[in-house]
Amino acid sequence: MRSVDRVEGALLLDGTGELVVAAGSAQTRHRLIGAYQGIVLAQAQRMAGRHALGGVRYMLWRHGGGTVIVRPLTDGYYLVVSVGPEGDVARGLHHSADVQERLNEALAR
């Protein structure tokens, strides 16, 4: 994720919203955003399952302070990437997909 301009932080969280690993900004706000995103992700996954919509590959939120990319992982873990307002969101999506794949492989071991 370092190659993406203006990534403020990347968090790996477990299914309960507990921080496993953090990179980038250590601001408490990033942890709170990460925990909240886990709640939203779980609800989106339940809704997708209930209505046979397929799996959630990622979620994206744009706001005045930037963009948040959330990617579900194996065993309830999830990745949250915060991109600043001038950041390259498309590149962030691309690279976070690669990270998602590598983390899923590591978690499966």
Protein backbone atom coordinates (compact mmCIF):
# COMPACT_ATOMS: atom_id res chain seq x y z
CA MET A 1 0.00 0.00 0.00
CA ARG A 2 3.04 2.27 0.33
CA SER A 3 3.07 2.87 -3.42
CA VAL A 4 -0.35 4.55 -3.31
CA ASP A 5 -0.21 8.32 -2.90
CA ARG A 6 -1.70 9.75 0.28
CA VAL A 7 -2.60 6.54 2.07
CA GLU A 8 -3.03 7.69 5.65
CA GLY A 9 -3.33 4.28 7.24
CA ALA A 10 -4.04 0.60 6.72
CA LEU A 11 -5.56 -1.57 9.42
CA LEU A 12 -6.07 -5.31 9.74
CA LEU A 13 -8.90 -6.05 12.17
CA ASP A 14 -10.54 -9.23 13.40
CA GLY A 15 -14.25 -10.00 13.27
CA THR A 16 -14.86 -8.22 16.58
CA GLY A 17 -13.23 -4.98 15.41
CA GLU A 18 -10.05 -5.54 17.43
CA LEU A 19 -6.92 -4.17 15.80
CA VAL A 20 -4.44 -6.86 14.73
CA VAL A 21 -1.92 -4.80 12.75
CA ALA A 22 -1.73 -1.12 11.83
CA ALA A 23 0.46 0.76 9.39
CA GLY A 24 0.62 4.48 8.77
CA SER A 25 -1.12 6.94 11.01
CA ALA A 26 -1.61 5.84 14.60
CA GLN A 27 -4.52 8.22 15.15
CA THR A 28 -7.31 6.87 17.34
CA ARG A 29 -9.79 8.09 14.75
CA HIS A 30 -8.50 5.49 12.25
CA ARG A 31 -9.14 2.72 14.78
CA LEU A 32 -12.67 3.98 15.43
CA ILE A 33 -13.36 4.21 11.70
CA GLY A 34 -12.02 0.67 11.30
CA ALA A 35 -14.25 -0.77 14.02
CA TYR A 36 -17.29 1.02 12.60
CA GLN A 37 -16.51 -0.27 9.10
CA GLY A 38 -16.49 -3.82 10.46
CA ILE A 39 -20.06 -3.39 11.70
CA VAL A 40 -21.18 -2.03 8.33
CA LEU A 41 -19.31 -4.78 6.46
CA ALA A 42 -20.94 -7.51 8.56
CA GLN A 43 -24.39 -6.07 7.86
CA ALA A 44 -23.68 -5.78 4.13
CA GLN A 45 -22.49 -9.39 4.06
CA ARG A 46 -25.62 -10.60 5.89
CA MET A 47 -27.85 -8.67 3.49
CA ALA A 48 -25.98 -10.01 0.45
CA GLY A 49 -26.33 -13.56 1.77
CA ARG A 50 -30.00 -13.14 2.64
CA HIS A 51 -30.83 -11.91 -0.86
CA ALA A 52 -28.41 -14.23 -2.73
CA LEU A 53 -26.45 -11.26 -4.12
CA GLY A 54 -23.05 -12.95 -3.96
CA GLY A 55 -20.11 -12.01 -1.77
CA VAL A 56 -18.95 -8.52 -0.90
CA ARG A 57 -15.57 -7.92 -2.56
CA TYR A 58 -15.05 -4.44 -1.17
CA MET A 59 -16.83 -1.36 0.09
CA LEU A 60 -15.85 2.22 -0.63
CA TRP A 61 -16.81 5.44 1.18
CA ARG A 62 -15.90 8.89 -0.08
CA HIS A 63 -16.14 11.82 2.30
CA GLY A 64 -14.69 15.31 2.68
CA GLY A 65 -11.61 13.98 4.46
CA GLY A 66 -10.80 11.31 1.88
CA THR A 67 -11.84 7.77 1.07
CA VAL A 68 -12.11 4.54 3.06
CA ILE A 69 -11.67 1.17 1.33
CA VAL A 70 -12.82 -1.93 3.21
CA ARG A 71 -12.00 -5.45 2.04
CA PRO A 72 -13.35 -8.57 3.76
CA LEU A 73 -10.87 -11.36 4.49
CA THR A 74 -10.99 -14.98 5.55
CA ASP A 75 -12.37 -15.92 8.99
CA GLY A 76 -14.07 -12.57 9.62
CA TYR A 77 -10.92 -10.46 9.36
CA TYR A 78 -11.02 -7.32 7.27
CA LEU A 79 -8.71 -4.69 5.83
CA VAL A 80 -9.40 -0.95 6.11
CA VAL A 81 -7.39 1.52 4.02
CA SER A 82 -7.76 5.28 4.54
CA VAL A 83 -6.80 7.40 1.55
CA GLY A 84 -6.43 11.17 1.91
CA PRO A 85 -8.56 13.62 -0.08
CA GLU A 86 -5.96 14.01 -2.84
CA GLY A 87 -5.09 10.31 -2.95
CA ASP A 88 -5.31 7.98 -5.93
CA VAL A 89 -8.41 5.93 -5.06
CA ALA A 90 -8.27 3.76 -8.19
CA ARG A 91 -4.72 2.75 -7.39
CA GLY A 92 -5.75 2.16 -3.77
CA LEU A 93 -8.50 -0.21 -4.93
CA HIS A 94 -6.10 -2.05 -7.20
CA HIS A 95 -3.38 -2.48 -4.58
CA SER A 96 -5.80 -3.32 -1.78
CA ALA A 97 -7.13 -6.18 -3.94
CA ASP A 98 -3.60 -7.57 -4.15
CA VAL A 99 -3.17 -7.20 -0.39
CA GLN A 100 -6.57 -8.85 0.16
CA GLU A 101 -5.48 -11.86 -1.86
CA ARG A 102 -2.13 -12.20 -0.05
CA LEU A 103 -3.73 -11.81 3.39
CA ASN A 104 -6.37 -14.44 2.58
CA GLU A 105 -3.61 -16.86 1.56
CA ALA A 106 -1.69 -16.15 4.79
CA LEU A 107 -4.81 -16.54 6.96
CA ALA A 108 -5.63 -19.87 5.31
CA ARG A 109 -2.36 -21.41 6.49
